[in-house]
Amino acid sequence: MATETKQSSSGGARVKVQQFGRTLSGMVMPNIGAFIAWGLITALFIPTGWWPNEKLATLVGPMITYLLPLLIGYTGGTMIHGKRGGVIGAIVTMGVIVGATIPMFLGAMVVGPLSAWVLKQFDKAVEGKIRAGFEMLVNNFSIGIIGGILAIVSFKGIGPLIQALTNALSSGVEFLVNHHLLPLVNIIIEPAKILFLNNAINHGILTPIAAEESLRLGKSILYMLESNPGPGLGVLLAYWLVGRGSAKASAPGAVIIHFLGGIHEIYFPYILMNPRLILAVIGGGVTGTFTFQLLGAGLTGATSPGSIISYIAMTPKGGYLPMFAGVIVATVVSFLIAAVLLKTSKKNNEDTDIEEAAAKMRDMKAAGNTTAPTAAPTAAAPVAASTNESAANAGNVRRKEDVNKIVFACDAGMGSSAMGASVLRKKLQAAGVNITVVNSAVSEIPSDADIVVTQKTLTERAIASNPKAEHISIDNFLKSPKYDELVERLK
């Protein structure tokens, strides 16, 4: 009983941390295209860029000072209160921008959702109490008055406070760099990634600090701490060359998706089926970052997805040797450690581990505990899941005539869910089944979704987002037996 309570508490804490991380990264990831545009303009046109251009370089400052924080503030507001929340979020973000002398990414993350929440409370309070014909007047002036007041508060108080916090964080990073301790951060980052906190770490924490550093120095190593494809590539290569069973067979495809496609979630289950391999990615991450720091590597903008192609695009002039060196060193170290650990594995077949984990998970579900064990595979696992595992909420199972939309959901709605949606869409088309299949973030699942497919670690959040839909938990967005089961059911 004590063990079950502890596991349930741990699972609840994990979900809450993922939700908080999703809130942070959810304000940045929809705007990654703007970050990439800024990074490319910086890499090309600043005095040390590929094609220095004094006039075009004047875009760099206004984009990072105004455009990017305003986009974050607007997006954060829409997450809380739709378009009205987005508008007031942008208004109040302007207050923190003017009230500080550094890019206000963190400030936008605070005041965007906060101001939208305040407006939402006002709208609730006056709902049904506005006289007919005065709705537009009240709606517009409420945003104007509340937004103006909060913008002044942000200008006077929140802006300077966030600037002090940002300066403290930057000083901490500078301390780590000056004392050659930055590689040790990967001891925290790599395990956190396996818990699907990769987007929160990269876009919610590192990207805002890195952008400010990139504005000053023309590049930042912080963009490379979480996104380095080397550690994951080393693990996948080890499975490919010395692994066994279906894990070995699926590794080559995973290598392409991870290294070229930039979807790092593809390698997480390979580690979860053999948790000792966390040592491999930690080793690769630490040595990769050490190499980056030693050789002065850095990127000009955020890399999303974390593909080697993105790395090449965001590497400044003269920075390719340090960049490739760090990625290669991380890959080699991760591969060597993973190969040794796989060779010394007690099991003769990785599939056995998966079956044991699936059986344990079914027992836990039967006991009313849906928290997955540490060793259980999640996300895009390379091996088959147990085919008799039921949907997450079997009470909502849909009949084929009631299914019009299937939604794949992942943490950010841009990586593994898009891959899974594409796979199932092709299978349905081949079977002659005309059903809409889309992908989304787990916190933004459409209300008209009939079936929602998620990785096991995200199912709780998916049910909370849309409790009326049928929810299916899978191990493998790329190759799951539940795809064929679903197609057969919908024929």
Protein backbone atom coordinates (compact mmCIF):
# COMPACT_ATOMS: atom_id res chain seq x y z
CA MET A 1 0.00 0.00 0.00
CA ALA A 2 2.78 2.39 0.89
CA THR A 3 4.54 1.61 -2.38
CA GLU A 4 1.37 2.21 -4.39
CA THR A 5 0.75 5.53 -2.63
CA LYS A 6 4.32 6.60 -3.30
CA GLN A 7 4.05 5.68 -6.99
CA SER A 8 0.76 7.50 -7.35
CA SER A 9 2.19 10.59 -5.69
CA SER A 10 5.24 10.40 -7.92
CA GLY A 11 3.08 10.08 -11.02
CA GLY A 12 0.94 13.04 -9.97
CA ALA A 13 4.03 15.15 -9.37
CA ARG A 14 5.40 14.17 -12.77
CA VAL A 15 2.17 15.19 -14.46
CA LYS A 16 2.16 18.54 -12.66
CA VAL A 17 5.76 19.22 -13.63
CA GLN A 18 4.96 18.31 -17.24
CA GLN A 19 1.96 20.63 -17.19
CA PHE A 20 4.07 23.52 -15.86
CA GLY A 21 6.74 22.79 -18.42
CA ARG A 22 4.12 22.59 -21.15
CA THR A 23 2.83 26.04 -20.12
CA LEU A 24 6.30 27.53 -20.49
CA SER A 25 7.24 25.81 -23.73
CA GLY A 26 3.70 26.28 -25.09
CA MET A 27 4.28 30.02 -25.21
CA VAL A 28 7.54 29.64 -27.14
CA MET A 29 7.12 26.66 -29.45
CA PRO A 30 4.31 28.11 -31.62
CA ASN A 31 6.65 31.05 -32.25
CA ILE A 32 9.80 29.05 -32.97
CA GLY A 33 9.57 30.08 -36.61
CA ALA A 34 10.02 33.70 -35.54
CA PHE A 35 13.01 32.73 -33.39
CA ILE A 36 14.53 30.91 -36.36
CA ALA A 37 13.94 33.92 -38.61
CA TRP A 38 15.69 36.15 -36.08
CA GLY A 39 18.55 33.65 -35.74
CA LEU A 40 19.05 33.46 -39.51
CA ILE A 41 19.02 37.24 -39.90
CA THR A 42 21.54 37.48 -37.07
CA ALA A 43 23.79 34.81 -38.59
CA LEU A 44 23.71 36.41 -42.03
CA PHE A 45 23.80 40.18 -41.57
CA ILE A 46 25.53 41.19 -38.32
CA PRO A 47 29.13 42.48 -38.73
CA THR A 48 30.56 39.01 -38.05
CA GLY A 49 27.93 37.20 -40.15
CA TRP A 50 28.13 35.48 -43.50
CA TRP A 51 27.06 38.55 -45.50
CA PRO A 52 27.41 41.63 -43.27
CA ASN A 53 24.84 44.27 -44.12
CA GLU A 54 24.49 47.34 -41.92
CA LYS A 55 20.91 48.15 -42.94
CA LEU A 56 19.52 44.62 -42.73
CA ALA A 57 21.30 44.10 -39.41
CA THR A 58 19.06 46.80 -37.93
CA LEU A 59 16.28 44.17 -37.92
CA VAL A 60 18.06 42.19 -35.20
CA GLY A 61 17.49 44.54 -32.27
CA PRO A 62 13.78 45.37 -32.77
CA MET A 63 12.90 41.73 -33.46
CA ILE A 64 14.36 40.43 -30.21
CA THR A 65 13.30 43.46 -28.16
CA TYR A 66 9.71 43.81 -29.39
CA LEU A 67 8.55 41.14 -31.84
CA LEU A 68 9.53 37.96 -29.98
CA PRO A 69 8.36 39.00 -26.47
CA LEU A 70 5.08 40.33 -27.89
CA LEU A 71 4.47 37.03 -29.70
CA ILE A 72 5.14 35.13 -26.48
CA GLY A 73 2.86 37.40 -24.46
CA TYR A 74 0.08 37.12 -27.05
CA THR A 75 0.41 33.33 -27.22
CA GLY A 76 0.43 33.03 -23.43
CA GLY A 77 -2.72 35.12 -23.27
CA THR A 78 -4.54 33.03 -25.86
CA MET A 79 -3.73 29.89 -23.87
CA ILE A 80 -5.74 31.31 -20.96
CA HIS A 81 -8.54 33.34 -22.55
CA GLY A 82 -8.57 33.03 -26.33
CA LYS A 83 -8.07 36.04 -28.59
CA ARG A 84 -9.14 38.52 -25.90
CA GLY A 85 -6.50 37.07 -23.63
CA GLY A 86 -3.97 37.33 -26.44
CA VAL A 87 -4.68 41.01 -27.00
CA ILE A 88 -4.38 41.98 -23.35
CA GLY A 89 -1.34 39.75 -23.03
CA ALA A 90 0.40 41.72 -25.79
CA ILE A 91 -0.62 45.05 -24.24
CA VAL A 92 0.77 44.19 -20.83
CA THR A 93 3.90 42.62 -22.33
CA MET A 94 4.67 46.02 -23.80
CA GLY A 95 4.87 47.31 -20.24
CA VAL A 96 7.60 44.88 -19.23
CA ILE A 97 9.48 45.49 -22.49
CA VAL A 98 9.68 49.23 -21.91
CA GLY A 99 10.30 48.77 -18.19
CA ALA A 100 13.50 46.78 -18.76
CA THR A 101 16.70 47.10 -20.76
CA ILE A 102 17.02 43.44 -21.80
CA PRO A 103 14.82 41.17 -23.96
CA MET A 104 11.73 40.34 -21.89
CA PHE A 105 11.05 36.71 -22.74
CA LEU A 106 10.59 35.67 -19.12
CA GLY A 107 8.56 38.80 -18.47
CA ALA A 108 6.24 37.95 -21.35
CA MET A 109 5.83 34.42 -19.99
CA VAL A 110 4.67 35.90 -16.68
CA VAL A 111 2.43 38.82 -17.67
CA GLY A 112 0.88 37.26 -20.79
CA PRO A 113 -1.03 34.48 -19.00
CA LEU A 114 -1.48 36.55 -15.81
CA SER A 115 -3.16 39.49 -17.55
CA ALA A 116 -5.36 37.12 -19.55
CA TRP A 117 -6.42 35.44 -16.30
CA VAL A 118 -7.39 38.81 -14.80
CA LEU A 119 -9.47 39.65 -17.87
CA LYS A 120 -11.08 36.23 -17.76
CA GLN A 121 -12.20 36.84 -14.17
CA PHE A 122 -13.71 40.17 -15.19
CA ASP A 123 -15.56 38.59 -18.11
CA LYS A 124 -16.96 35.93 -15.79
CA ALA A 125 -18.10 38.57 -13.32
CA VAL A 126 -20.05 40.58 -15.92
CA GLU A 127 -21.33 37.64 -17.95
CA GLY A 128 -25.09 37.98 -18.45
CA LYS A 129 -25.17 41.40 -16.78
CA ILE A 130 -24.40 43.63 -19.78
CA ARG A 131 -27.39 45.46 -21.25
CA ALA A 132 -28.19 44.55 -24.85
CA GLY A 133 -26.37 46.73 -27.36
CA PHE A 134 -23.50 47.55 -24.99
CA GLU A 135 -21.58 44.30 -25.38
CA MET A 136 -18.97 45.63 -27.81
CA LEU A 137 -18.48 48.79 -25.77
CA VAL A 138 -17.85 46.84 -22.58
CA ASN A 139 -15.66 44.24 -24.28
CA ASN A 140 -13.38 46.79 -25.92
CA PHE A 141 -13.11 49.19 -22.99
CA SER A 142 -12.53 46.37 -20.49
CA ILE A 143 -9.46 45.25 -22.45
CA GLY A 144 -8.32 48.87 -22.83
CA ILE A 145 -8.75 49.88 -19.20
CA ILE A 146 -7.57 46.67 -17.54
CA GLY A 147 -4.75 46.27 -20.07
CA GLY A 148 -3.61 49.87 -19.58
CA ILE A 149 -3.55 49.54 -15.79
CA LEU A 150 -1.67 46.24 -15.90
CA ALA A 151 0.78 47.63 -18.48
CA ILE A 152 1.66 50.44 -16.06
CA VAL A 153 2.06 47.94 -13.21
CA SER A 154 4.31 45.84 -15.43
CA PHE A 155 6.33 48.87 -16.46
CA LYS A 156 6.89 50.05 -12.89
CA GLY A 157 7.19 46.77 -11.02
CA ILE A 158 7.22 43.50 -12.94
CA GLY A 159 9.65 44.62 -15.67
CA PRO A 160 12.44 45.65 -13.27
CA LEU A 161 11.79 42.55 -11.14
CA ILE A 162 12.06 40.18 -14.11
CA GLN A 163 15.18 41.99 -15.29
CA ALA A 164 16.79 41.41 -11.89
CA LEU A 165 15.82 37.72 -12.06
CA THR A 166 17.16 37.41 -15.61
CA ASN A 167 20.41 39.08 -14.59
CA ALA A 168 20.72 36.61 -11.71
CA LEU A 169 20.14 33.64 -14.04
CA SER A 170 22.63 35.03 -16.55
CA SER A 171 25.16 35.52 -13.79
CA GLY A 172 24.66 31.90 -12.76
CA VAL A 173 25.27 30.73 -16.32
CA GLU A 174 28.33 32.98 -16.56
CA PHE A 175 29.64 31.49 -13.32
CA LEU A 176 29.24 27.96 -14.71
CA VAL A 177 30.99 28.96 -17.93
CA ASN A 178 33.86 30.76 -16.22
CA HIS A 179 34.46 27.85 -13.86
CA HIS A 180 34.08 25.23 -16.62
CA LEU A 181 31.09 23.67 -14.88
CA LEU A 182 28.52 24.06 -17.65
CA PRO A 183 28.87 20.43 -18.83
CA LEU A 184 27.59 19.27 -15.44
CA VAL A 185 24.18 20.74 -16.29
CA ASN A 186 23.68 17.78 -18.62
CA ILE A 187 23.56 15.50 -15.58
CA ILE A 188 20.19 17.11 -14.91
CA ILE A 189 19.08 17.76 -18.48
CA GLU A 190 19.44 14.24 -19.90
CA PRO A 191 17.27 12.41 -17.29
CA ALA A 192 14.73 15.25 -17.43
CA LYS A 193 14.43 14.80 -21.19
CA ILE A 194 13.46 11.15 -20.73
CA LEU A 195 10.56 12.34 -18.56
CA PHE A 196 9.36 14.39 -21.55
CA LEU A 197 10.51 17.69 -20.08
CA ASN A 198 12.75 18.33 -23.09
CA ASN A 199 10.59 21.07 -24.60
CA ALA A 200 10.12 22.76 -21.24
CA ILE A 201 13.86 22.80 -20.57
CA ASN A 202 14.90 23.91 -24.04
CA HIS A 203 12.21 26.44 -24.91
CA GLY A 204 10.91 27.40 -21.48
CA ILE A 205 14.24 27.93 -19.70
CA LEU A 206 17.30 27.86 -21.95
CA THR A 207 16.01 29.69 -25.04
CA PRO A 208 15.12 32.98 -23.25
CA ILE A 209 18.55 33.20 -21.60
CA ALA A 210 20.32 32.07 -24.76
CA ALA A 211 18.57 34.72 -26.88
CA GLU A 212 19.81 37.49 -24.60
CA GLU A 213 23.33 36.06 -24.71
CA SER A 214 23.18 35.66 -28.48
CA LEU A 215 22.21 39.32 -28.83
CA ARG A 216 25.37 40.33 -26.95
CA LEU A 217 27.83 37.80 -28.34
CA GLY A 218 26.34 36.78 -31.69
CA LYS A 219 25.92 33.16 -30.53
CA SER A 220 25.13 31.08 -27.45
CA ILE A 221 26.17 27.62 -26.30
CA LEU A 222 22.93 27.39 -24.28
CA TYR A 223 21.02 26.59 -27.46
CA MET A 224 23.09 23.39 -27.65
CA LEU A 225 22.74 21.98 -24.12
CA GLU A 226 19.45 20.15 -24.60
CA SER A 227 19.22 19.98 -28.38
CA ASN A 228 22.54 18.19 -29.10
CA PRO A 229 21.54 15.15 -31.20
CA GLY A 230 24.77 13.31 -30.34
CA PRO A 231 23.80 11.53 -27.09
CA GLY A 232 20.62 10.05 -28.52
CA LEU A 233 22.34 9.11 -31.76
CA GLY A 234 24.98 7.15 -29.83
CA VAL A 235 22.33 5.07 -28.05
CA LEU A 236 20.48 4.30 -31.27
CA LEU A 237 23.68 3.30 -33.05
CA ALA A 238 24.51 0.98 -30.15
CA TYR A 239 21.13 -0.74 -30.44
CA TRP A 240 21.62 -1.00 -34.20
CA LEU A 241 25.07 -2.61 -33.95
CA VAL A 242 24.99 -4.63 -30.72
CA GLY A 243 21.32 -4.71 -29.73
CA ARG A 244 18.93 -7.64 -30.04
CA GLY A 245 15.41 -8.37 -31.17
CA SER A 246 13.00 -5.83 -32.58
CA ALA A 247 14.88 -2.99 -30.90
CA LYS A 248 17.86 -3.73 -33.13
CA ALA A 249 15.66 -4.01 -36.21
CA SER A 250 13.91 -0.66 -35.63
CA ALA A 251 17.03 1.31 -34.66
CA PRO A 252 18.13 2.28 -38.23
CA GLY A 253 14.81 4.01 -38.90
CA ALA A 254 14.95 5.71 -35.53
CA VAL A 255 18.44 7.01 -36.34
CA ILE A 256 17.12 8.84 -39.41
CA ILE A 257 14.10 10.27 -37.58
CA HIS A 258 16.24 11.41 -34.66
CA PHE A 259 19.36 12.76 -36.37
CA LEU A 260 17.86 14.22 -39.54
CA GLY A 261 14.26 14.75 -38.50
CA GLY A 262 15.21 16.11 -35.09
CA ILE A 263 12.50 14.24 -33.15
CA HIS A 264 14.45 13.28 -30.03
CA GLU A 265 11.46 11.57 -28.40
CA ILE A 266 12.13 8.60 -30.69
CA TYR A 267 15.09 7.43 -28.58
CA PHE A 268 13.52 7.90 -25.12
CA PRO A 269 11.88 4.43 -25.03
CA TYR A 270 15.15 2.73 -25.99
CA ILE A 271 16.52 4.06 -22.72
CA LEU A 272 13.38 3.35 -20.70
CA MET A 273 13.46 -0.33 -21.65
CA ASN A 274 17.00 -0.46 -20.24
CA PRO A 275 17.26 2.39 -17.69
CA ARG A 276 21.01 1.89 -17.24
CA LEU A 277 21.44 3.57 -20.63
CA ILE A 278 20.70 6.91 -18.98
CA LEU A 279 24.41 6.80 -18.12
CA ALA A 280 25.19 6.75 -21.85
CA VAL A 281 23.26 9.90 -22.70
CA ILE A 282 24.58 11.66 -19.58
CA GLY A 283 28.12 10.78 -20.60
CA GLY A 284 27.49 11.93 -24.16
CA GLY A 285 25.81 15.13 -23.04
CA VAL A 286 28.55 16.08 -20.58
CA THR A 287 31.42 15.40 -22.99
CA GLY A 288 29.59 17.05 -25.88
CA THR A 289 28.98 20.24 -23.91
CA PHE A 290 32.58 20.17 -22.65
CA THR A 291 33.76 20.01 -26.27
CA PHE A 292 31.42 22.83 -27.28
CA GLN A 293 32.73 24.99 -24.44
CA LEU A 294 36.36 24.09 -25.02
CA LEU A 295 36.21 25.01 -28.72
CA GLY A 296 33.92 28.04 -28.33
CA ALA A 297 30.89 26.62 -30.11
CA GLY A 298 27.53 28.35 -30.18
CA LEU A 299 24.41 28.83 -32.29
CA THR A 300 22.77 32.05 -33.39
CA GLY A 301 19.20 30.94 -32.70
CA ALA A 302 16.93 28.24 -31.34
CA THR A 303 16.99 24.83 -33.02
CA SER A 304 13.61 23.16 -33.25
CA PRO A 305 13.49 20.37 -34.12
CA GLY A 306 16.88 19.32 -32.77
CA SER A 307 18.13 18.12 -36.13
CA ILE A 308 21.69 18.27 -37.43
CA ILE A 309 20.17 20.25 -40.31
CA SER A 310 18.96 22.89 -37.84
CA TYR A 311 22.42 22.93 -36.27
CA ILE A 312 24.02 23.59 -39.64
CA ALA A 313 21.56 26.39 -40.40
CA MET A 314 22.09 28.12 -37.04
CA THR A 315 25.88 27.80 -36.84
CA PRO A 316 27.65 31.17 -37.27
CA LYS A 317 30.47 31.76 -39.72
CA GLY A 318 33.61 29.94 -38.58
CA GLY A 319 31.71 27.79 -36.07
CA TYR A 320 31.26 24.54 -37.95
CA LEU A 321 34.33 22.72 -36.63
CA PRO A 322 33.41 23.29 -32.94
CA MET A 323 29.79 22.37 -33.63
CA PHE A 324 30.53 19.13 -35.47
CA ALA A 325 33.25 18.23 -32.94
CA GLY A 326 30.81 18.47 -30.03
CA VAL A 327 28.14 16.42 -31.78
CA ILE A 328 30.64 13.72 -32.84
CA VAL A 329 32.26 13.47 -29.40
CA ALA A 330 28.84 13.18 -27.75
CA THR A 331 27.85 10.46 -30.21
CA VAL A 332 31.03 8.43 -29.74
CA VAL A 333 30.98 8.58 -25.94
CA SER A 334 27.28 7.76 -25.76
CA PHE A 335 27.73 4.88 -28.22
CA LEU A 336 30.65 3.33 -26.33
CA ILE A 337 28.89 3.45 -22.96
CA ALA A 338 25.60 2.16 -24.42
CA ALA A 339 27.35 -0.65 -26.30
CA VAL A 340 29.06 -1.87 -23.12
CA LEU A 341 25.81 -1.71 -21.14
CA LEU A 342 23.87 -3.57 -23.84
CA LYS A 343 26.56 -6.24 -24.13
CA THR A 344 26.49 -6.83 -20.37
CA SER A 345 22.68 -6.85 -20.16
CA LYS A 346 21.34 -9.86 -18.24
CA LYS A 347 18.42 -10.37 -20.61
CA ASN A 348 18.79 -12.35 -23.78
CA ASN A 349 16.03 -10.46 -25.54
CA GLU A 350 14.87 -6.88 -25.05
CA ASP A 351 11.31 -7.94 -25.92
CA THR A 352 11.19 -9.84 -22.63
CA ASP A 353 11.72 -6.60 -20.75
CA ILE A 354 8.88 -4.98 -22.63
CA GLU A 355 6.48 -7.80 -21.86
CA GLU A 356 7.38 -7.67 -18.16
CA ALA A 357 6.87 -3.92 -18.08
CA ALA A 358 3.53 -4.21 -19.88
CA ALA A 359 2.36 -6.92 -17.46
CA LYS A 360 3.37 -4.80 -14.49
CA MET A 361 1.50 -1.84 -15.95
CA ARG A 362 -1.68 -3.90 -16.38
CA ASP A 363 -1.45 -5.00 -12.77
CA MET A 364 -1.05 -1.40 -11.66
CA LYS A 365 -4.05 -0.31 -13.72
CA ALA A 366 -6.11 -3.11 -12.24
CA ALA A 367 -5.19 -1.81 -8.79
CA GLY A 368 -6.37 1.67 -9.76
CA ASN A 369 -2.90 3.11 -10.29
CA THR A 370 -2.14 4.33 -13.82
CA THR A 371 1.39 5.48 -13.11
CA ALA A 372 3.89 3.69 -15.33
CA PRO A 373 6.95 2.08 -13.76
CA THR A 374 10.31 3.64 -14.44
CA ALA A 375 11.39 0.82 -16.71
CA ALA A 376 8.27 0.90 -18.85
CA PRO A 377 8.70 2.16 -22.40
CA THR A 378 6.82 5.24 -23.48
CA ALA A 379 6.56 7.56 -26.45
CA ALA A 380 7.75 6.18 -29.76
CA ALA A 381 8.98 2.85 -28.45
CA PRO A 382 10.68 0.69 -31.04
CA VAL A 383 9.02 -2.50 -29.98
CA ALA A 384 5.50 -3.78 -29.97
CA ALA A 385 3.23 -3.08 -27.04
CA SER A 386 1.01 -5.71 -25.54
CA THR A 387 -1.88 -6.13 -27.96
CA ASN A 388 -4.46 -6.96 -25.30
CA GLU A 389 -3.93 -3.71 -23.44
CA SER A 390 -7.21 -1.79 -23.42
CA ALA A 391 -7.81 1.87 -24.10
CA ALA A 392 -7.06 4.27 -21.28
CA ASN A 393 -10.77 4.84 -20.65
CA ALA A 394 -12.52 1.86 -22.14
CA GLY A 395 -15.93 3.25 -21.12
CA ASN A 396 -15.70 5.77 -23.94
CA VAL A 397 -14.91 3.30 -26.75
CA ARG A 398 -16.49 4.59 -29.96
CA ARG A 399 -18.37 2.61 -32.55
CA LYS A 400 -17.04 3.01 -36.08
CA GLU A 401 -20.05 5.06 -37.21
CA ASP A 402 -19.40 7.55 -34.39
CA VAL A 403 -15.77 8.26 -35.30
CA ASN A 404 -15.14 11.34 -37.45
CA LYS A 405 -11.87 12.69 -36.07
CA ILE A 406 -8.82 11.01 -34.56
CA VAL A 407 -6.27 13.20 -32.78
CA PHE A 408 -2.68 12.29 -32.01
CA ALA A 409 -1.38 14.32 -29.07
CA CYS A 410 2.14 14.82 -27.78
CA ASP A 411 3.66 17.35 -25.43
CA ALA A 412 4.19 20.09 -28.00
CA GLY A 413 1.98 18.84 -30.83
CA MET A 414 4.77 19.21 -33.39
CA GLY A 415 7.00 16.13 -33.30
CA SER A 416 6.05 12.56 -32.45
CA SER A 417 2.30 13.23 -32.74
CA ALA A 418 2.73 14.49 -36.32
CA MET A 419 4.69 11.36 -37.12
CA GLY A 420 2.04 9.07 -35.61
CA ALA A 421 -0.81 10.90 -37.33
CA SER A 422 0.93 10.46 -40.68
CA VAL A 423 1.40 6.72 -40.13
CA LEU A 424 -2.23 6.07 -39.15
CA ARG A 425 -3.57 8.36 -41.89
CA LYS A 426 -1.80 6.24 -44.53
CA LYS A 427 -3.09 3.02 -43.01
CA LEU A 428 -6.68 4.30 -43.01
CA GLN A 429 -6.39 5.52 -46.59
CA ALA A 430 -5.04 2.14 -47.68
CA ALA A 431 -8.00 0.46 -45.98
CA GLY A 432 -10.47 2.83 -47.66
CA VAL A 433 -11.50 4.47 -44.37
CA ASN A 434 -12.29 8.18 -44.72
CA ILE A 435 -11.65 9.65 -41.25
CA THR A 436 -9.85 12.89 -40.37
CA VAL A 437 -6.54 12.32 -38.54
CA VAL A 438 -4.75 15.34 -37.07
CA ASN A 439 -2.14 16.07 -34.39
CA SER A 440 -2.12 18.57 -31.55
CA ALA A 441 -0.53 19.48 -28.24
CA VAL A 442 -1.85 17.41 -25.35
CA SER A 443 -3.23 20.53 -23.65
CA GLU A 444 -5.02 21.70 -26.81
CA ILE A 445 -6.90 18.59 -27.93
CA PRO A 446 -9.91 19.67 -30.06
CA SER A 447 -13.27 19.29 -28.38
CA ASP A 448 -14.65 17.41 -31.39
CA ALA A 449 -12.03 14.65 -31.16
CA ASP A 450 -13.65 11.21 -31.06
CA ILE A 451 -10.47 9.20 -30.44
CA VAL A 452 -7.26 10.54 -28.87
CA VAL A 453 -3.99 8.64 -29.17
CA THR A 454 -1.13 9.51 -26.81
CA GLN A 455 2.02 8.14 -25.28
CA LYS A 456 1.37 6.45 -21.95
CA THR A 457 3.03 9.13 -19.85
CA LEU A 458 0.72 11.78 -21.35
CA THR A 459 -2.58 9.93 -21.16
CA GLU A 460 -3.60 11.46 -17.83
CA ARG A 461 -3.17 14.95 -19.23
CA ALA A 462 -5.00 14.00 -22.42
CA ILE A 463 -8.01 12.73 -20.47
CA ALA A 464 -8.04 15.96 -18.46
CA SER A 465 -7.93 17.96 -21.70
CA ASN A 466 -10.79 16.03 -23.36
CA PRO A 467 -12.54 13.56 -21.01
CA LYS A 468 -15.34 12.76 -23.46
CA ALA A 469 -13.14 11.19 -26.14
CA GLU A 470 -11.92 7.61 -26.30
CA HIS A 471 -8.28 7.58 -25.22
CA ILE A 472 -5.75 5.06 -26.49
CA SER A 473 -2.28 4.76 -24.94
CA ILE A 474 0.52 3.45 -27.12
CA ASP A 475 4.24 2.77 -26.82
CA ASN A 476 5.23 3.45 -30.39
CA PHE A 477 4.07 6.35 -32.54
CA LEU A 478 6.05 4.91 -35.43
CA LYS A 479 4.99 1.27 -35.29
CA SER A 480 2.23 0.19 -32.90
CA PRO A 481 0.02 -2.89 -33.23
CA LYS A 482 -2.87 -0.75 -32.03
CA TYR A 483 -2.87 1.06 -35.37
CA ASP A 484 -3.89 -2.13 -37.17
CA GLU A 485 -6.42 -2.95 -34.45
CA LEU A 486 -7.98 0.49 -34.83
CA VAL A 487 -8.07 0.26 -38.62
CA GLU A 488 -9.81 -3.13 -38.43
CA ARG A 489 -12.35 -1.73 -36.01
CA LEU A 490 -13.10 1.28 -38.23
CA LYS A 491 -13.40 -0.63 -41.53
